[in-house]
Protein backbone atom coordinates (compact mmCIF):
# COMPACT_ATOMS: atom_id res chain seq x y z
CA UNK A 1 -15.40 -0.93 -14.31
CA UNK A 2 -16.91 0.81 -11.32
CA UNK A 3 -20.27 0.38 -9.66
CA UNK A 4 -21.58 3.17 -7.45
CA UNK A 5 -24.18 3.29 -4.74
CA UNK A 6 -25.92 6.59 -4.09
CA UNK A 7 -27.93 7.12 -0.95
CA UNK A 8 -29.83 10.26 0.00
CA UNK A 9 -28.63 12.15 3.05
CA UNK A 10 -31.39 13.73 5.10
CA UNK A 11 -31.55 15.42 8.46
CA UNK A 12 -30.66 12.06 10.00
CA UNK A 13 -28.55 10.48 7.23
CA UNK A 14 -28.76 6.74 6.93
CA UNK A 15 -25.71 6.58 4.73
CA UNK A 16 -23.25 6.09 7.58
CA UNK A 17 -25.21 3.75 9.82
CA UNK A 18 -23.62 0.32 9.67
CA UNK A 19 -26.60 -1.70 8.48
CA UNK A 20 -27.59 0.57 5.61
CA UNK A 21 -24.39 2.08 4.30
CA UNK A 22 -25.32 4.61 1.67
CA UNK A 23 -28.40 2.57 0.78
CA UNK A 24 -25.97 0.98 -1.63
CA UNK A 25 -25.91 -2.61 -0.49
CA UNK A 26 -27.29 -3.87 -3.76
CA UNK A 27 -25.43 -2.57 -6.82
CA UNK A 28 -27.64 -2.57 -9.89
CA UNK A 29 -30.86 -2.09 -7.93
CA UNK A 30 -32.37 1.39 -8.13
CA UNK A 31 -34.52 0.70 -5.09
CA UNK A 32 -31.39 0.30 -3.01
CA UNK A 33 -29.56 3.15 -4.68
CA UNK A 34 -27.02 1.06 -6.61
CA UNK A 35 -26.16 1.88 -10.23
CA UNK A 36 -23.78 0.36 -12.70
CA UNK A 37 -21.47 2.99 -14.15
CA UNK A 38 -21.13 2.21 -17.82
CA UNK A 39 -23.42 -0.59 -18.86
CA UNK A 40 -25.10 0.48 -22.09
CA UNK A 41 -23.62 3.96 -21.92
CA UNK A 42 -21.00 4.99 -24.43
CA UNK A 43 -18.73 8.00 -24.17
CA UNK A 44 -20.38 9.55 -27.25
CA UNK A 45 -23.97 8.78 -26.22
CA UNK A 46 -24.27 11.12 -23.26
CA UNK A 47 -27.36 13.35 -23.41
CA UNK A 48 -26.74 17.05 -23.73
CA UNK A 49 -28.23 19.87 -21.71
CA UNK A 50 -30.89 22.23 -23.07
CA UNK A 51 -28.28 24.35 -24.84
CA UNK A 52 -26.48 21.40 -26.35
CA UNK A 53 -23.70 21.51 -23.74
CA UNK A 54 -22.52 18.71 -21.48
CA UNK A 55 -25.08 19.41 -18.78
CA UNK A 56 -22.53 21.02 -16.51
CA UNK A 57 -22.80 24.66 -17.57
CA UNK A 58 -24.05 27.44 -15.37
CA UNK A 59 -27.05 28.03 -17.66
CA UNK A 60 -28.81 25.02 -16.16
CA UNK A 61 -28.96 26.75 -12.77
CA UNK A 62 -31.54 29.25 -14.02
CA UNK A 63 -33.92 26.74 -15.59
CA UNK A 64 -36.06 23.74 -14.66
CA UNK A 65 -33.88 21.46 -16.76
CA UNK A 66 -31.71 20.38 -13.81
CA UNK A 67 -34.49 18.83 -11.66
CA UNK A 68 -36.07 17.23 -14.73
CA UNK A 69 -32.71 15.80 -15.75
CA UNK A 70 -32.21 14.36 -12.27
CA UNK A 71 -35.60 12.66 -12.43
CA UNK A 72 -35.04 11.20 -15.90
CA UNK A 73 -31.43 10.09 -15.58
CA UNK A 74 -30.68 9.20 -11.97
CA UNK A 75 -27.31 9.49 -10.18
CA UNK A 76 -25.31 7.47 -12.71
CA UNK A 77 -25.95 9.72 -15.70
CA UNK A 78 -25.76 12.90 -13.60
CA UNK A 79 -22.23 11.88 -12.61
CA UNK A 80 -21.28 10.99 -16.17
CA UNK A 81 -22.33 14.45 -17.35
CA UNK A 82 -20.10 16.35 -14.92
CA UNK A 83 -17.73 18.81 -16.61
CA UNK A 84 -14.12 17.67 -16.77
CA UNK A 85 -11.68 19.41 -14.40
CA UNK A 86 -9.22 21.95 -15.76
CA UNK A 87 -5.48 21.26 -15.28
CA UNK A 88 -5.26 23.77 -12.41
CA UNK A 89 -8.13 22.01 -10.61
CA UNK A 90 -6.09 18.90 -9.82
CA UNK A 91 -4.33 18.37 -6.52
CA UNK A 92 -1.06 16.67 -5.58
CA UNK A 93 -1.57 13.99 -2.93
CA UNK A 94 1.82 12.27 -3.01
CA UNK A 95 5.27 13.00 -4.35
CA UNK A 96 8.41 10.90 -4.23
CA UNK A 97 11.45 12.37 -5.96
CA UNK A 98 15.23 12.19 -6.14
CA UNK A 99 17.13 15.43 -5.47
CA UNK A 100 20.63 16.64 -4.72
CA UNK A 101 21.40 17.75 -1.13
CA UNK A 102 21.67 21.37 -2.28
CA UNK A 103 18.00 21.27 -3.37
CA UNK A 104 16.26 20.24 -0.16
CA UNK A 105 16.50 23.73 1.38
CA UNK A 106 14.68 25.16 -1.64
CA UNK A 107 11.91 22.57 -1.32
CA UNK A 108 11.46 22.50 2.47
CA UNK A 109 12.98 25.81 3.57
CA UNK A 110 16.42 26.09 5.23
CA UNK A 111 15.06 26.70 8.75
CA UNK A 112 12.45 23.93 8.73
CA UNK A 113 13.09 21.43 11.53
CA UNK A 114 13.62 17.74 10.77
CA UNK A 115 13.55 14.95 13.33
CA UNK A 116 16.22 12.32 12.80
CA UNK A 117 14.51 9.00 12.10
CA UNK A 118 14.03 6.57 14.97
CA UNK A 119 11.53 4.29 13.22
CA UNK A 120 10.86 3.05 9.72
CA UNK A 121 7.90 4.60 7.94
CA UNK A 122 5.91 2.79 5.28
CA UNK A 123 6.96 4.52 2.07
CA UNK A 124 5.76 3.22 -1.27
CA UNK A 125 8.59 3.67 -3.71
CA UNK A 126 10.49 2.19 -6.62
CA UNK A 127 12.07 -1.17 -5.84
CA UNK A 128 15.55 0.34 -6.21
CA UNK A 129 14.88 2.53 -3.16
CA UNK A 130 13.14 0.01 -0.91
CA UNK A 131 16.31 -0.56 1.13
CA UNK A 132 17.22 3.08 1.67
CA UNK A 133 18.09 4.43 5.12
CA UNK A 134 15.38 6.45 6.87
CA UNK A 135 17.34 9.59 7.67
CA UNK A 136 14.83 12.19 8.88
CA UNK A 137 11.21 13.26 8.83
CA UNK A 138 9.26 16.49 9.12
CA UNK A 139 7.97 18.26 6.05
CA UNK A 140 8.70 15.03 4.22
CA UNK A 141 10.45 11.70 4.68
CA UNK A 142 14.16 11.87 3.82
CA UNK A 143 16.09 8.74 2.85
CA UNK A 144 19.60 8.03 1.59
CA UNK A 145 21.75 5.02 0.76
CA UNK A 146 22.46 3.02 3.97
CA UNK A 147 26.23 3.07 3.40
CA UNK A 148 26.30 6.67 4.73
CA UNK A 149 24.75 5.87 8.13
CA UNK A 150 27.90 6.00 10.28
CA UNK A 151 29.30 9.03 8.47
CA UNK A 152 26.08 10.99 9.07
CA UNK A 153 26.09 10.35 12.82
CA UNK A 154 29.80 11.12 13.11
CA UNK A 155 29.60 14.46 11.32
CA UNK A 156 26.41 15.53 13.12
CA UNK A 157 28.42 15.36 16.34
CA UNK A 158 31.64 16.86 15.00
CA UNK A 159 29.99 19.73 13.15
CA UNK A 160 26.94 20.55 15.29
CA UNK A 161 27.42 18.57 18.55
CA UNK A 162 24.19 16.66 17.94
CA UNK A 163 24.20 13.53 20.09
CA UNK A 164 22.54 10.66 18.23
CA UNK A 165 22.86 6.98 19.10
CA UNK A 166 22.82 4.62 16.12
CA UNK A 167 19.88 2.29 15.78
CA UNK A 168 20.59 -1.43 15.72
CA UNK A 169 18.30 -1.68 12.70
CA UNK A 170 20.10 -1.21 9.42
CA UNK A 171 17.56 1.08 7.76
CA UNK A 172 16.90 3.37 10.77
CA UNK A 173 19.34 6.12 11.75
CA UNK A 174 18.95 6.62 15.52
CA UNK A 175 17.40 5.22 18.68
CA UNK A 176 16.29 8.60 19.95
CA UNK A 177 14.74 11.56 18.17
CA UNK A 178 17.19 14.49 18.00
CA UNK A 179 16.40 17.31 15.60
CA UNK A 180 18.22 19.61 13.21
CA UNK A 181 17.35 22.13 10.53
CA UNK A 182 17.20 21.38 6.83
CA UNK A 183 20.25 23.58 6.23
CA UNK A 184 22.27 21.66 8.83
CA UNK A 185 21.37 18.30 7.32
CA UNK A 186 22.10 19.52 3.80
CA UNK A 187 25.57 20.66 4.87
CA UNK A 188 26.29 17.24 6.36
CA UNK A 189 25.11 15.50 3.20
CA UNK A 190 27.39 17.60 1.00
CA UNK A 191 30.44 17.08 3.23
CA UNK A 192 30.13 13.28 3.36
CA UNK A 193 29.60 13.07 -0.40
CA UNK A 194 25.91 12.16 -0.71
CA UNK A 195 24.80 12.91 -4.28
CA UNK A 196 21.28 11.49 -4.19
CA UNK A 197 18.53 11.96 -1.58
CA UNK A 198 15.07 10.48 -1.82
CA UNK A 199 12.24 12.71 -0.56
CA UNK A 200 8.63 11.59 -0.14
CA UNK A 201 5.47 13.15 1.24
CA UNK A 202 1.83 12.13 1.02
CA UNK A 203 -1.72 12.85 2.13
CA UNK A 204 -1.76 16.63 1.63
CA UNK A 205 -4.07 16.95 -1.43
CA UNK A 206 -2.42 20.26 -2.22
CA UNK A 207 -4.05 22.23 -5.08
CA UNK A 208 -1.64 22.60 -7.96
CA UNK A 209 -1.82 26.39 -7.85
CA UNK A 210 -0.13 26.14 -4.43
CA UNK A 211 2.60 23.73 -5.59
CA UNK A 212 5.24 26.44 -5.95
CA UNK A 213 8.15 24.09 -6.66
CA UNK A 214 8.10 21.83 -9.73
CA UNK A 215 9.18 18.87 -7.63
CA UNK A 216 11.78 16.68 -9.31
CA UNK A 217 13.02 19.37 -11.72
CA UNK A 218 16.42 21.03 -12.10
CA UNK A 219 18.39 18.03 -10.86
CA UNK A 220 22.10 17.63 -11.65
CA UNK A 221 23.09 15.54 -14.65
CA UNK A 222 24.12 12.64 -12.40
CA UNK A 223 20.51 12.24 -11.24
CA UNK A 224 18.93 12.17 -14.70
CA UNK A 225 18.45 8.41 -14.61
CA UNK A 226 16.85 8.62 -11.16
CA UNK A 227 14.13 10.90 -12.53
CA UNK A 228 12.37 7.98 -14.21
CA UNK A 229 11.76 6.55 -10.72
CA UNK A 230 9.94 9.67 -9.50
CA UNK A 231 6.23 9.17 -8.96
CA UNK A 232 3.25 11.28 -7.97
CA UNK A 233 -0.40 10.86 -6.96
CA UNK A 234 -2.54 13.38 -8.83
CA UNK A 235 -6.27 13.53 -8.12
CA UNK A 236 -9.52 15.41 -8.13
CA UNK A 237 -12.60 15.16 -5.89
CA UNK A 238 -16.02 15.76 -7.42
CA UNK A 239 -18.82 17.21 -5.34
CA UNK A 240 -21.42 16.89 -8.11
CA UNK A 241 -23.11 20.22 -8.81
CA UNK A 242 -22.36 21.50 -5.30
CA UNK A 243 -23.53 25.10 -4.97
CA UNK A 244 -26.23 24.74 -7.62
CA UNK A 245 -29.85 23.60 -7.62
CA UNK A 246 -28.72 20.32 -9.16
CA UNK A 247 -26.79 19.31 -6.04
CA UNK A 248 -28.18 16.19 -4.40
CA UNK A 249 -27.34 15.10 -0.86
CA UNK A 250 -26.24 11.65 -1.97
CA UNK A 251 -23.42 9.46 -0.68
CA UNK A 252 -21.50 8.13 -3.67
CA UNK A 253 -19.82 4.78 -3.11
CA UNK A 254 -17.47 2.78 -5.34
CA UNK A 255 -17.42 -0.97 -5.81
CA UNK A 256 -16.21 -3.56 -8.27
CA UNK A 257 -19.04 -4.85 -10.47
CA UNK A 258 -20.11 -8.40 -9.72
CA UNK A 259 -18.08 -10.97 -11.61
CA UNK A 260 -14.99 -8.77 -11.94
CA UNK A 261 -11.88 -10.11 -10.21
CA UNK A 262 -10.30 -7.70 -7.75
CA UNK A 263 -6.78 -6.43 -8.23
CA UNK A 264 -4.34 -6.28 -5.36
CA UNK A 265 -4.99 -2.96 -3.68
CA UNK A 266 -3.40 -1.20 -0.75
CA UNK A 267 -5.79 1.72 -0.90
CA UNK A 268 -8.03 2.56 2.05
CA UNK A 269 -10.83 -0.06 2.39
CA UNK A 270 -13.91 1.89 3.45
CA UNK A 271 -15.32 0.32 6.64
CA UNK A 272 -13.65 -2.99 5.75
CA UNK A 273 -16.19 -5.84 5.79
CA UNK A 274 -18.71 -3.55 7.46
CA UNK A 275 -18.89 -1.64 4.19
CA UNK A 276 -20.42 -4.62 2.38
CA UNK A 277 -17.89 -4.47 -0.43
CA UNK A 278 -17.99 -0.72 -0.99
CA UNK A 279 -14.82 1.28 -0.57
CA UNK A 280 -11.78 1.93 -2.75
CA UNK A 281 -11.59 0.58 -6.28
CA UNK A 282 -8.02 0.17 -7.54
CA UNK A 283 -7.35 -0.49 -11.22
CA UNK A 284 -4.18 -1.03 -13.26
CA UNK A 285 -4.59 0.66 -16.66
CA UNK A 286 -2.81 -0.20 -19.87
CA UNK A 287 -0.83 3.02 -19.85
CA UNK A 288 2.89 3.71 -20.16
CA UNK A 289 3.07 6.26 -17.36
CA UNK A 290 0.03 5.71 -15.11
CA UNK A 291 0.71 2.89 -12.69
CA UNK A 292 -2.60 2.76 -10.84
CA UNK A 293 -6.03 4.37 -10.64
CA UNK A 294 -8.11 4.72 -7.49
CA UNK A 295 -11.71 5.75 -6.95
CA UNK A 296 -13.33 6.18 -3.56
CA UNK A 297 -15.94 8.19 -1.70
CA UNK A 298 -15.18 11.35 0.27
CA UNK A 299 -16.94 9.50 3.08
CA UNK A 300 -13.59 7.71 3.50
CA UNK A 301 -11.87 11.05 4.16
CA UNK A 302 -14.50 12.01 6.72
CA UNK A 303 -14.10 8.70 8.55
CA UNK A 304 -10.30 8.94 8.52
CA UNK A 305 -10.57 12.48 9.94
CA UNK A 306 -12.18 11.03 13.09
CA UNK A 307 -9.47 8.41 13.63
CA UNK A 308 -7.83 5.66 11.63
CA UNK A 309 -7.79 3.34 14.62
CA UNK A 310 -9.44 -0.05 14.05
CA UNK A 311 -9.90 0.70 10.35
CA UNK A 312 -6.81 -0.91 8.81
CA UNK A 313 -7.53 -4.60 9.37
CA UNK A 314 -10.77 -6.59 9.13
CA UNK A 315 -12.56 -8.03 12.19
CA UNK A 316 -11.99 -11.77 12.60
CA UNK A 317 -14.16 -12.73 15.59
CA UNK A 318 -17.59 -11.87 16.95
CA UNK A 319 -15.93 -9.75 19.64
CA UNK A 320 -13.88 -7.67 17.20
CA UNK A 321 -16.89 -7.37 14.89
CA UNK A 322 -18.96 -5.88 17.72
CA UNK A 323 -16.07 -3.61 18.64
CA UNK A 324 -15.97 -2.30 15.07
CA UNK A 325 -19.69 -1.61 15.11
CA UNK A 326 -19.28 0.32 18.34
CA UNK A 327 -16.33 2.19 16.86
CA UNK A 328 -18.41 3.06 13.81
CA UNK A 329 -21.17 4.52 15.97
CA UNK A 330 -18.56 6.66 17.75
CA UNK A 331 -17.14 7.82 14.43
CA UNK A 332 -20.62 8.72 13.24
CA UNK A 333 -21.16 10.83 16.37
CA UNK A 334 -17.76 12.52 15.97
CA UNK A 335 -18.45 13.43 12.36
CA UNK A 336 -21.55 15.39 13.33
CA UNK A 337 -22.18 16.21 9.66
CA UNK A 338 -22.79 19.94 10.05
CA UNK A 339 -22.43 20.07 6.27
CA UNK A 340 -23.60 16.91 4.53
CA UNK A 341 -21.74 17.91 1.35
CA UNK A 342 -18.46 16.69 2.82
CA UNK A 343 -19.54 13.05 2.46
CA UNK A 344 -21.18 13.54 -0.95
CA UNK A 345 -17.99 13.53 -3.01
CA UNK A 346 -16.28 11.02 -5.26
CA UNK A 347 -12.51 11.08 -5.68
CA UNK A 348 -10.37 9.85 -8.57
CA UNK A 349 -6.62 9.52 -8.17
CA UNK A 350 -3.81 8.38 -10.46
CA UNK A 351 -0.32 7.22 -9.52
CA UNK A 352 2.05 8.43 -12.23
CA UNK A 353 5.65 7.77 -13.16
CA UNK A 354 6.95 11.17 -14.26
CA UNK A 355 10.07 13.29 -13.99
CA UNK A 356 8.38 16.26 -12.33
CA UNK A 357 5.13 17.24 -10.63
CA UNK A 358 4.08 19.40 -13.57
CA UNK A 359 4.68 16.58 -16.03
CA UNK A 360 2.57 14.26 -13.85
CA UNK A 361 -0.25 16.80 -13.89
CA UNK A 362 -0.10 16.98 -17.69
CA UNK A 363 -0.10 13.19 -18.10
CA UNK A 364 -3.13 12.74 -15.84
CA UNK A 365 -5.08 15.56 -17.47
CA UNK A 366 -4.56 14.29 -21.01
CA UNK A 367 -5.29 10.68 -20.03
CA UNK A 368 -8.92 11.47 -19.20
CA UNK A 369 -8.94 8.97 -16.34
CA UNK A 370 -9.99 11.35 -13.52
CA UNK A 371 -13.57 11.49 -14.85
CA UNK A 372 -16.40 8.96 -14.43
CA UNK A 373 -16.93 8.97 -18.19
CA UNK A 374 -13.59 7.19 -18.62
CA UNK A 375 -15.15 4.05 -17.16
CA UNK A 376 -18.26 3.99 -19.35
CA UNK A 377 -16.92 1.16 -21.46
CA UNK A 378 -16.61 -2.60 -21.61
CA UNK A 379 -14.37 -4.96 -23.61
CA UNK A 380 -17.08 -5.09 -26.28
CA UNK A 381 -17.49 -1.30 -26.33
CA UNK A 382 -14.14 0.33 -25.47
CA UNK A 383 -14.03 4.03 -24.79
CA UNK A 384 -11.72 5.12 -27.59
CA UNK A 385 -11.42 8.65 -26.17
CA UNK A 386 -9.05 7.41 -23.45
CA UNK A 387 -5.43 7.31 -24.70
CA UNK A 388 -3.21 4.43 -23.65
CA UNK A 389 0.13 6.16 -24.16
CA UNK A 390 1.79 9.48 -23.54
CA UNK A 391 4.39 11.24 -25.66
CA UNK A 392 6.32 12.49 -22.64
CA UNK A 393 7.28 8.96 -21.71
CA UNK A 394 8.89 8.50 -25.13
CA UNK A 395 10.76 11.74 -24.60
CA UNK A 396 11.98 10.54 -21.21
CA UNK A 397 13.08 7.25 -22.68
CA UNK A 398 15.15 9.00 -25.36
CA UNK A 399 16.79 11.24 -22.75
CA UNK A 400 17.64 8.24 -20.61
CA UNK A 401 19.22 6.45 -23.57
CA UNK A 402 21.26 9.56 -24.39
CA UNK A 403 22.38 9.83 -20.76
CA UNK A 404 23.57 6.23 -20.86
CA UNK A 405 25.52 6.88 -24.07
CA UNK A 406 27.06 10.05 -22.66
CA UNK A 407 28.18 8.31 -19.50
């Protein structure tokens, strides 16, 4: 379902110059660096390395097999033969969970400073929480039911003498930006009777070995039903064979194959129309727990690190088109590319409905989706190695039914 373009990066890489992005303007043409992922390839037809392994073992570093394999197979097959990540290799890029007020100090730290919300952030969440009040921000976005708005402001003054003027907008707390600690806010929440707080954070790509708290776990019984609305983005970025002789300075780009209708996607569109169709591929799998899959180049991360200005909406006139080209040249200069490897990665990411962060990690790992090999199939030749269900979701469903009966 994904087509990639791979362009070589030299001392003066052409992969980021507007007119020749990644040499991948023509998917399917080897002369232009475009390759169709999948095609005639099947999950069980991948060639093995010299020792009968998957081509990703360390033994290939000490032989001539790697360069020969690159010559014979090209970028597509080299990517398909990458070793699968281990569970601890994944990172957490987004979490959105329901917790009790007593839990936020354990997650964020009691002395962390939160700024009371004076504007409404764009938070992707379950439809039941779309109309929640934006309470505070800092280590994460904190939201509660809007019926508590007046009580929060009143008690902040009475208990801590925090002066906060209510916003005229229903889903925003204040007009200014006063601050308080997590412990102070938690005390207010408990005293006014808030049982359920919605916390969300995104964009950190935190390795799982550093996720000390199993986010979403240990909630009171009254929040059991809210757990099914927790969701997480779990991902992994490949830098194919980086650190070995097999590493190639190639920009890997993702694109829908020709003739495939695009799904609605709110993921980052690499260079917009300037990217000639390459950017983020967003797919909706037939899976009980995984809501969405994304694939995009690490070039997108490098561009966003310069500035996200002028990159969120397409140019509509000749003037804005020229402005975008100028902006792209400035971004290219800012990037500098001291290490070309940073734009030679390919990221896979899954949005998962799960009770906890650890459960989300398990679901993604067992699904097999965060590997290019998962997309080496077509309707006529499905990849049967990819499961379409997950036992944990059945377990959750049974617990939810029991909770309903008990209540």
